N, C-alpha and C. Protein backbone atom coordinates (compact mmCIF):
# COMPACT_ATOMS: atom_id res chain seq x y z
N MET A 1 -45.24 -111.03 109.88
CA MET A 1 -44.96 -110.02 108.89
C MET A 1 -43.71 -109.24 109.30
N THR A 2 -42.82 -109.02 108.37
CA THR A 2 -41.60 -108.29 108.69
C THR A 2 -41.75 -106.81 108.35
N ASN A 3 -40.99 -106.01 109.04
CA ASN A 3 -40.97 -104.58 108.79
C ASN A 3 -40.03 -104.31 107.62
N ARG A 4 -40.56 -103.83 106.52
CA ARG A 4 -39.75 -103.60 105.32
C ARG A 4 -39.15 -102.20 105.28
N ALA A 5 -39.43 -101.38 106.26
CA ALA A 5 -39.04 -99.98 106.19
C ALA A 5 -37.56 -99.72 105.90
N PRO A 6 -36.60 -100.42 106.52
CA PRO A 6 -35.21 -100.04 106.28
C PRO A 6 -34.81 -100.00 104.80
N GLY A 7 -35.27 -100.94 103.98
CA GLY A 7 -34.94 -100.92 102.56
C GLY A 7 -35.79 -99.96 101.77
N HIS A 8 -36.78 -99.39 102.41
CA HIS A 8 -37.72 -98.51 101.74
C HIS A 8 -37.62 -97.08 102.25
N GLU A 9 -36.69 -96.82 103.14
CA GLU A 9 -36.61 -95.54 103.85
C GLU A 9 -35.42 -94.70 103.39
N LEU A 10 -35.68 -93.40 103.24
CA LEU A 10 -34.62 -92.41 103.10
C LEU A 10 -34.76 -91.48 104.30
N LYS A 11 -33.64 -91.05 104.85
CA LYS A 11 -33.72 -90.28 106.10
C LYS A 11 -32.66 -89.19 106.14
N LEU A 12 -33.07 -88.06 106.71
CA LEU A 12 -32.17 -86.94 106.97
C LEU A 12 -32.32 -86.59 108.45
N VAL A 13 -31.21 -86.46 109.16
CA VAL A 13 -31.23 -86.09 110.57
C VAL A 13 -30.28 -84.92 110.77
N ARG A 14 -30.77 -83.89 111.44
CA ARG A 14 -29.95 -82.72 111.75
C ARG A 14 -30.28 -82.22 113.15
N GLU A 15 -29.30 -81.60 113.77
CA GLU A 15 -29.57 -80.83 114.99
C GLU A 15 -29.65 -79.38 114.57
N ILE A 16 -30.78 -78.76 114.91
CA ILE A 16 -31.06 -77.40 114.47
C ILE A 16 -31.11 -76.49 115.69
N ASP A 17 -30.49 -75.33 115.56
CA ASP A 17 -30.45 -74.35 116.65
C ASP A 17 -31.71 -73.50 116.62
N ALA A 18 -32.83 -74.16 116.91
CA ALA A 18 -34.14 -73.49 116.99
C ALA A 18 -35.08 -74.41 117.75
N PRO A 19 -36.02 -73.83 118.47
CA PRO A 19 -36.99 -74.67 119.18
C PRO A 19 -37.93 -75.37 118.20
N ARG A 20 -38.40 -76.53 118.61
CA ARG A 20 -39.24 -77.31 117.71
C ARG A 20 -40.55 -76.61 117.36
N GLU A 21 -41.03 -75.71 118.21
CA GLU A 21 -42.26 -74.97 117.91
C GLU A 21 -42.09 -74.15 116.62
N LYS A 22 -40.92 -73.54 116.46
CA LYS A 22 -40.66 -72.75 115.24
C LYS A 22 -40.60 -73.64 114.01
N ILE A 23 -39.98 -74.80 114.15
CA ILE A 23 -39.87 -75.73 113.01
C ILE A 23 -41.26 -76.23 112.62
N PHE A 24 -42.05 -76.59 113.61
CA PHE A 24 -43.41 -77.05 113.34
C PHE A 24 -44.20 -75.96 112.63
N LYS A 25 -44.07 -74.73 113.09
CA LYS A 25 -44.77 -73.61 112.46
C LYS A 25 -44.33 -73.44 111.00
N ALA A 26 -43.04 -73.61 110.72
CA ALA A 26 -42.55 -73.48 109.34
C ALA A 26 -43.08 -74.59 108.44
N TRP A 27 -43.35 -75.75 109.01
CA TRP A 27 -43.90 -76.88 108.25
C TRP A 27 -45.41 -76.76 108.06
N THR A 28 -46.10 -75.98 108.90
CA THR A 28 -47.55 -76.00 108.90
C THR A 28 -48.20 -74.66 108.56
N THR A 29 -47.41 -73.66 108.21
CA THR A 29 -47.93 -72.36 107.82
C THR A 29 -47.63 -72.16 106.34
N PRO A 30 -48.67 -72.08 105.49
CA PRO A 30 -48.44 -72.01 104.05
C PRO A 30 -47.44 -70.94 103.61
N GLU A 31 -47.56 -69.73 104.13
CA GLU A 31 -46.66 -68.66 103.69
C GLU A 31 -45.21 -68.93 104.10
N LEU A 32 -45.00 -69.59 105.21
CA LEU A 32 -43.64 -69.96 105.61
C LEU A 32 -43.12 -71.12 104.78
N MET A 33 -43.97 -72.12 104.54
CA MET A 33 -43.56 -73.27 103.74
C MET A 33 -43.08 -72.84 102.35
N LYS A 34 -43.73 -71.86 101.77
CA LYS A 34 -43.36 -71.37 100.44
C LYS A 34 -41.93 -70.81 100.43
N GLN A 35 -41.44 -70.40 101.58
CA GLN A 35 -40.12 -69.76 101.65
C GLN A 35 -38.96 -70.74 101.73
N TRP A 36 -39.23 -72.01 102.01
CA TRP A 36 -38.10 -72.91 102.24
C TRP A 36 -38.25 -74.32 101.68
N PHE A 37 -39.45 -74.78 101.38
CA PHE A 37 -39.72 -76.19 101.18
C PHE A 37 -39.03 -76.82 99.98
N CYS A 38 -38.75 -76.08 98.94
CA CYS A 38 -38.08 -76.62 97.74
C CYS A 38 -36.67 -76.06 97.63
N PRO A 39 -35.72 -76.88 97.20
CA PRO A 39 -34.38 -76.34 96.98
C PRO A 39 -34.38 -75.39 95.78
N LEU A 40 -33.81 -74.21 96.00
CA LEU A 40 -33.70 -73.24 94.91
C LEU A 40 -32.94 -73.84 93.74
N PRO A 41 -33.29 -73.54 92.52
CA PRO A 41 -34.20 -72.49 92.06
C PRO A 41 -35.66 -72.92 92.00
N TRP A 42 -36.01 -74.10 92.48
CA TRP A 42 -37.40 -74.51 92.57
C TRP A 42 -38.09 -73.69 93.66
N LYS A 43 -39.41 -73.62 93.58
CA LYS A 43 -40.17 -72.89 94.60
C LYS A 43 -41.55 -73.50 94.76
N VAL A 44 -42.12 -73.30 95.93
CA VAL A 44 -43.50 -73.68 96.18
C VAL A 44 -44.34 -72.45 95.84
N THR A 45 -45.26 -72.61 94.89
CA THR A 45 -46.12 -71.49 94.49
C THR A 45 -47.49 -71.55 95.15
N GLU A 46 -47.88 -72.74 95.61
CA GLU A 46 -49.14 -72.89 96.33
C GLU A 46 -48.93 -73.87 97.47
N ALA A 47 -49.52 -73.56 98.60
CA ALA A 47 -49.53 -74.47 99.74
C ALA A 47 -50.91 -74.37 100.37
N ASP A 48 -51.63 -75.46 100.37
CA ASP A 48 -52.99 -75.53 100.90
C ASP A 48 -52.99 -76.62 101.96
N LEU A 49 -52.96 -76.21 103.21
CA LEU A 49 -52.77 -77.14 104.32
C LEU A 49 -53.94 -77.08 105.30
N ASP A 50 -54.44 -78.23 105.67
CA ASP A 50 -55.43 -78.38 106.73
C ASP A 50 -54.78 -79.35 107.73
N VAL A 51 -54.05 -78.79 108.67
CA VAL A 51 -53.13 -79.56 109.51
C VAL A 51 -53.86 -80.29 110.63
N ARG A 52 -54.34 -81.49 110.27
CA ARG A 52 -55.00 -82.40 111.19
C ARG A 52 -55.03 -83.76 110.52
N ALA A 53 -55.15 -84.82 111.28
CA ALA A 53 -55.23 -86.15 110.68
C ALA A 53 -56.43 -86.18 109.73
N GLY A 54 -56.17 -86.56 108.49
CA GLY A 54 -57.20 -86.57 107.45
C GLY A 54 -57.31 -85.27 106.68
N GLY A 55 -56.62 -84.23 107.14
CA GLY A 55 -56.66 -82.93 106.46
C GLY A 55 -55.72 -82.91 105.27
N ARG A 56 -55.99 -82.01 104.35
CA ARG A 56 -55.21 -81.94 103.11
C ARG A 56 -53.81 -81.38 103.36
N CYS A 57 -52.91 -81.88 102.57
CA CYS A 57 -51.50 -81.48 102.61
C CYS A 57 -51.09 -81.32 101.15
N ASN A 58 -51.49 -80.21 100.55
CA ASN A 58 -51.29 -79.99 99.11
C ASN A 58 -50.29 -78.87 98.89
N ASN A 59 -49.44 -79.05 97.89
CA ASN A 59 -48.57 -77.96 97.46
C ASN A 59 -48.25 -78.14 95.99
N THR A 60 -47.86 -77.04 95.38
CA THR A 60 -47.43 -77.07 93.98
C THR A 60 -46.02 -76.53 93.93
N MET A 61 -45.12 -77.31 93.32
CA MET A 61 -43.73 -76.89 93.15
C MET A 61 -43.52 -76.51 91.68
N GLU A 62 -42.76 -75.45 91.47
CA GLU A 62 -42.45 -75.02 90.11
C GLU A 62 -40.94 -74.91 89.95
N GLY A 63 -40.47 -75.40 88.79
CA GLY A 63 -39.05 -75.40 88.49
C GLY A 63 -38.65 -74.23 87.62
N PRO A 64 -37.35 -74.03 87.45
CA PRO A 64 -36.83 -72.89 86.71
C PRO A 64 -37.12 -72.95 85.21
N ASP A 65 -37.44 -74.13 84.70
CA ASP A 65 -37.72 -74.27 83.27
C ASP A 65 -39.21 -74.45 82.99
N GLY A 66 -40.04 -73.97 83.92
CA GLY A 66 -41.48 -74.04 83.73
C GLY A 66 -42.13 -75.33 84.20
N GLU A 67 -41.37 -76.23 84.83
CA GLU A 67 -41.94 -77.46 85.36
C GLU A 67 -42.95 -77.12 86.46
N VAL A 68 -44.06 -77.83 86.47
CA VAL A 68 -45.08 -77.66 87.50
C VAL A 68 -45.40 -79.05 88.06
N ILE A 69 -45.18 -79.21 89.35
CA ILE A 69 -45.42 -80.50 89.98
C ILE A 69 -46.41 -80.31 91.13
N PRO A 70 -47.68 -80.68 90.89
CA PRO A 70 -48.65 -80.62 91.99
C PRO A 70 -48.51 -81.84 92.89
N ASN A 71 -48.59 -81.64 94.17
CA ASN A 71 -48.52 -82.71 95.15
C ASN A 71 -49.77 -82.63 96.02
N GLN A 72 -50.58 -83.67 95.97
CA GLN A 72 -51.76 -83.72 96.81
C GLN A 72 -51.64 -84.88 97.77
N GLY A 73 -52.07 -84.65 98.99
CA GLY A 73 -52.01 -85.70 99.98
C GLY A 73 -52.81 -85.35 101.21
N VAL A 74 -52.62 -86.15 102.23
CA VAL A 74 -53.29 -85.93 103.51
C VAL A 74 -52.30 -86.16 104.64
N TYR A 75 -52.63 -85.54 105.76
CA TYR A 75 -51.90 -85.82 106.99
C TYR A 75 -52.48 -87.10 107.60
N LEU A 76 -51.62 -87.99 108.00
CA LEU A 76 -52.03 -89.21 108.69
C LEU A 76 -51.99 -89.03 110.20
N GLU A 77 -51.01 -88.26 110.67
CA GLU A 77 -50.84 -88.02 112.11
C GLU A 77 -50.24 -86.64 112.31
N VAL A 78 -50.78 -85.93 113.28
CA VAL A 78 -50.26 -84.61 113.64
C VAL A 78 -50.19 -84.54 115.16
N ILE A 79 -48.98 -84.37 115.68
CA ILE A 79 -48.78 -84.12 117.10
C ILE A 79 -48.03 -82.79 117.17
N GLU A 80 -48.72 -81.77 117.61
CA GLU A 80 -48.17 -80.41 117.56
C GLU A 80 -46.78 -80.35 118.18
N ASN A 81 -45.87 -79.74 117.42
CA ASN A 81 -44.48 -79.51 117.83
C ASN A 81 -43.67 -80.78 118.01
N GLU A 82 -44.21 -81.95 117.62
CA GLU A 82 -43.48 -83.20 117.77
C GLU A 82 -43.41 -84.04 116.50
N LYS A 83 -44.54 -84.13 115.77
CA LYS A 83 -44.58 -85.11 114.69
C LYS A 83 -45.61 -84.74 113.64
N LEU A 84 -45.19 -84.91 112.37
CA LEU A 84 -46.09 -84.80 111.22
C LEU A 84 -45.89 -86.05 110.38
N VAL A 85 -46.99 -86.67 109.98
CA VAL A 85 -46.94 -87.81 109.07
C VAL A 85 -47.93 -87.50 107.95
N PHE A 86 -47.46 -87.59 106.72
CA PHE A 86 -48.31 -87.25 105.57
C PHE A 86 -48.02 -88.23 104.44
N THR A 87 -48.96 -88.34 103.51
CA THR A 87 -48.80 -89.26 102.40
C THR A 87 -49.48 -88.74 101.15
N ASP A 88 -48.99 -89.21 100.02
CA ASP A 88 -49.65 -88.95 98.74
C ASP A 88 -50.50 -90.15 98.32
N ALA A 89 -50.71 -91.11 99.21
CA ALA A 89 -51.52 -92.29 98.90
C ALA A 89 -53.00 -91.95 98.86
N PHE A 90 -53.37 -90.85 99.53
CA PHE A 90 -54.76 -90.40 99.56
C PHE A 90 -54.81 -88.91 99.32
N THR A 91 -55.95 -88.43 98.86
CA THR A 91 -56.24 -87.01 98.85
C THR A 91 -57.33 -86.77 99.89
N GLU A 92 -57.68 -85.51 100.08
CA GLU A 92 -58.68 -85.16 101.08
C GLU A 92 -59.94 -86.02 100.91
N GLY A 93 -60.53 -86.42 102.03
CA GLY A 93 -61.69 -87.30 102.00
C GLY A 93 -61.32 -88.76 101.87
N TRP A 94 -60.03 -89.06 102.03
CA TRP A 94 -59.50 -90.42 101.95
C TRP A 94 -59.73 -91.05 100.58
N VAL A 95 -59.63 -90.24 99.55
CA VAL A 95 -59.75 -90.75 98.18
C VAL A 95 -58.38 -91.30 97.78
N PRO A 96 -58.29 -92.59 97.44
CA PRO A 96 -57.00 -93.17 97.05
C PRO A 96 -56.47 -92.54 95.76
N THR A 97 -55.16 -92.39 95.69
CA THR A 97 -54.53 -91.88 94.47
C THR A 97 -54.14 -93.06 93.58
N GLU A 98 -53.83 -92.75 92.33
CA GLU A 98 -53.49 -93.81 91.38
C GLU A 98 -52.18 -94.50 91.71
N LYS A 99 -51.15 -93.73 92.07
CA LYS A 99 -49.83 -94.31 92.30
C LYS A 99 -49.19 -93.66 93.52
N PRO A 100 -49.47 -94.23 94.70
CA PRO A 100 -48.81 -93.68 95.89
C PRO A 100 -47.30 -93.85 95.79
N PHE A 101 -46.58 -92.85 96.27
CA PHE A 101 -45.12 -92.86 96.18
C PHE A 101 -44.47 -92.98 97.54
N MET A 102 -44.99 -92.24 98.53
CA MET A 102 -44.29 -92.20 99.81
C MET A 102 -45.18 -91.76 100.96
N VAL A 103 -44.67 -92.00 102.15
CA VAL A 103 -45.17 -91.43 103.39
C VAL A 103 -44.03 -90.59 103.94
N GLY A 104 -44.32 -89.34 104.27
CA GLY A 104 -43.32 -88.47 104.88
C GLY A 104 -43.52 -88.42 106.39
N VAL A 105 -42.42 -88.45 107.11
CA VAL A 105 -42.47 -88.38 108.57
C VAL A 105 -41.48 -87.31 109.01
N VAL A 106 -41.96 -86.37 109.81
CA VAL A 106 -41.09 -85.34 110.39
C VAL A 106 -41.18 -85.48 111.90
N LEU A 107 -40.03 -85.70 112.53
CA LEU A 107 -39.96 -85.85 113.98
C LEU A 107 -39.15 -84.70 114.55
N LEU A 108 -39.65 -84.09 115.61
CA LEU A 108 -38.99 -82.96 116.25
C LEU A 108 -38.75 -83.31 117.72
N GLU A 109 -37.49 -83.55 118.04
CA GLU A 109 -37.12 -83.95 119.41
C GLU A 109 -36.42 -82.79 120.10
N GLU A 110 -36.98 -82.37 121.22
CA GLU A 110 -36.43 -81.26 121.97
C GLU A 110 -35.07 -81.62 122.56
N LEU A 111 -34.10 -80.73 122.37
CA LEU A 111 -32.77 -80.88 122.93
C LEU A 111 -32.50 -79.72 123.88
N PRO A 112 -31.51 -79.85 124.76
CA PRO A 112 -31.18 -78.74 125.67
C PRO A 112 -30.80 -77.48 124.90
N GLY A 113 -31.06 -76.35 125.53
CA GLY A 113 -30.65 -75.07 124.96
C GLY A 113 -31.52 -74.59 123.81
N GLY A 114 -32.75 -75.06 123.75
CA GLY A 114 -33.66 -74.60 122.69
C GLY A 114 -33.35 -75.16 121.32
N ARG A 115 -32.57 -76.24 121.28
CA ARG A 115 -32.23 -76.89 120.01
C ARG A 115 -33.21 -78.02 119.74
N THR A 116 -33.18 -78.53 118.51
CA THR A 116 -34.09 -79.61 118.10
C THR A 116 -33.36 -80.63 117.25
N ARG A 117 -33.58 -81.90 117.55
CA ARG A 117 -33.15 -82.96 116.63
C ARG A 117 -34.27 -83.12 115.62
N TYR A 118 -33.94 -82.83 114.37
CA TYR A 118 -34.89 -82.82 113.26
C TYR A 118 -34.65 -84.07 112.42
N THR A 119 -35.67 -84.91 112.32
CA THR A 119 -35.58 -86.11 111.50
C THR A 119 -36.67 -86.04 110.45
N ALA A 120 -36.29 -86.14 109.19
CA ALA A 120 -37.24 -86.18 108.09
C ALA A 120 -37.03 -87.48 107.34
N LYS A 121 -38.10 -88.27 107.22
CA LYS A 121 -38.02 -89.56 106.55
C LYS A 121 -39.00 -89.62 105.40
N ALA A 122 -38.61 -90.34 104.38
CA ALA A 122 -39.51 -90.68 103.28
C ALA A 122 -39.57 -92.20 103.24
N LEU A 123 -40.76 -92.75 103.46
CA LEU A 123 -40.98 -94.19 103.45
C LEU A 123 -41.70 -94.54 102.15
N HIS A 124 -41.17 -95.49 101.42
CA HIS A 124 -41.69 -95.83 100.10
C HIS A 124 -42.31 -97.22 100.09
N TRP A 125 -43.26 -97.43 99.18
CA TRP A 125 -43.93 -98.72 99.08
C TRP A 125 -43.00 -99.80 98.54
N THR A 126 -42.07 -99.41 97.68
CA THR A 126 -41.17 -100.39 97.07
C THR A 126 -39.73 -99.88 97.13
N GLU A 127 -38.80 -100.81 97.03
CA GLU A 127 -37.40 -100.41 96.95
C GLU A 127 -37.13 -99.64 95.66
N ASP A 128 -37.84 -99.99 94.58
CA ASP A 128 -37.68 -99.25 93.33
C ASP A 128 -38.08 -97.79 93.50
N ASP A 129 -39.18 -97.53 94.23
CA ASP A 129 -39.58 -96.14 94.49
C ASP A 129 -38.54 -95.42 95.34
N ARG A 130 -38.01 -96.14 96.35
CA ARG A 130 -36.97 -95.52 97.18
C ARG A 130 -35.75 -95.17 96.35
N LYS A 131 -35.35 -96.08 95.48
CA LYS A 131 -34.19 -95.83 94.63
C LYS A 131 -34.46 -94.68 93.67
N ALA A 132 -35.66 -94.64 93.10
CA ALA A 132 -36.01 -93.53 92.19
C ALA A 132 -35.94 -92.19 92.93
N HIS A 133 -36.44 -92.16 94.18
CA HIS A 133 -36.41 -90.92 94.97
C HIS A 133 -34.96 -90.53 95.29
N GLU A 134 -34.16 -91.51 95.61
CA GLU A 134 -32.74 -91.25 95.90
C GLU A 134 -32.04 -90.73 94.64
N ASP A 135 -32.34 -91.35 93.49
CA ASP A 135 -31.73 -90.92 92.22
C ASP A 135 -32.21 -89.53 91.80
N MET A 136 -33.42 -89.16 92.21
CA MET A 136 -33.93 -87.81 91.91
C MET A 136 -33.20 -86.76 92.74
N GLY A 137 -32.45 -87.19 93.74
CA GLY A 137 -31.68 -86.25 94.56
C GLY A 137 -32.25 -86.02 95.94
N PHE A 138 -32.84 -87.06 96.53
CA PHE A 138 -33.41 -86.91 97.87
C PHE A 138 -32.43 -86.24 98.84
N HIS A 139 -31.24 -86.80 98.97
CA HIS A 139 -30.30 -86.30 99.99
C HIS A 139 -29.90 -84.85 99.71
N GLU A 140 -29.58 -84.55 98.46
CA GLU A 140 -29.19 -83.18 98.11
C GLU A 140 -30.38 -82.24 98.24
N GLY A 141 -31.53 -82.64 97.71
CA GLY A 141 -32.71 -81.77 97.71
C GLY A 141 -33.27 -81.53 99.11
N TRP A 142 -33.47 -82.60 99.86
CA TRP A 142 -33.99 -82.43 101.21
C TRP A 142 -32.95 -81.75 102.10
N GLY A 143 -31.67 -81.99 101.83
CA GLY A 143 -30.62 -81.29 102.57
C GLY A 143 -30.63 -79.80 102.30
N ALA A 144 -30.75 -79.42 101.02
CA ALA A 144 -30.79 -78.00 100.65
C ALA A 144 -32.04 -77.34 101.23
N ALA A 145 -33.18 -78.03 101.15
CA ALA A 145 -34.41 -77.47 101.72
C ALA A 145 -34.25 -77.27 103.23
N THR A 146 -33.59 -78.21 103.90
CA THR A 146 -33.36 -78.06 105.34
C THR A 146 -32.44 -76.89 105.63
N ASP A 147 -31.43 -76.68 104.80
CA ASP A 147 -30.58 -75.49 104.95
C ASP A 147 -31.42 -74.22 104.83
N GLN A 148 -32.35 -74.21 103.86
CA GLN A 148 -33.23 -73.05 103.68
C GLN A 148 -34.17 -72.89 104.87
N LEU A 149 -34.62 -74.01 105.44
CA LEU A 149 -35.45 -73.96 106.65
C LEU A 149 -34.66 -73.33 107.78
N VAL A 150 -33.44 -73.76 107.97
CA VAL A 150 -32.59 -73.21 109.05
C VAL A 150 -32.40 -71.70 108.87
N ALA A 151 -32.17 -71.26 107.64
CA ALA A 151 -32.00 -69.83 107.37
C ALA A 151 -33.29 -69.08 107.69
N LEU A 152 -34.44 -69.64 107.34
CA LEU A 152 -35.72 -69.01 107.65
C LEU A 152 -35.92 -68.92 109.16
N LEU A 153 -35.61 -70.00 109.87
CA LEU A 153 -35.78 -70.03 111.32
C LEU A 153 -34.94 -68.94 112.00
N ALA A 154 -33.77 -68.67 111.46
CA ALA A 154 -32.89 -67.63 112.02
C ALA A 154 -33.50 -66.24 111.87
N ARG A 155 -34.39 -66.07 110.87
CA ARG A 155 -35.04 -64.78 110.65
C ARG A 155 -36.37 -64.65 111.40
N MET A 156 -36.87 -65.75 111.93
CA MET A 156 -38.18 -65.73 112.59
C MET A 156 -38.09 -65.23 114.04
């Protein structure tokens, strides 16, 4: 079996001037996630997180024109201050969803001087899903959200 990930993967890598503990906290604390997770003018209005393998990873995003996008999923892997893996393929209790779209992976690699190499990946089941996510603005949107994360980290 071959690894299909390269054609199914979107990735953002940044070096962030903050320790990985702060980044992990911003990803796993609902009130912090609401402050940065969506590129403005979108916002997260609800974040319901049970940060453990099998725990829920739910949020609701709202757009400037009244759009409401609920996202339900679970964490597949949680390594504190190092790694988060989550998916919309299941909801809490391992209930399969109708149309899984992606697996998200966040990697936090400690660098000298309290900096972190931040890698955020979206792994898709099909190349069509990857292309749809890219066309929706993955690079711009996840890049803007990361900029907002960096601004939040500077205030923490």
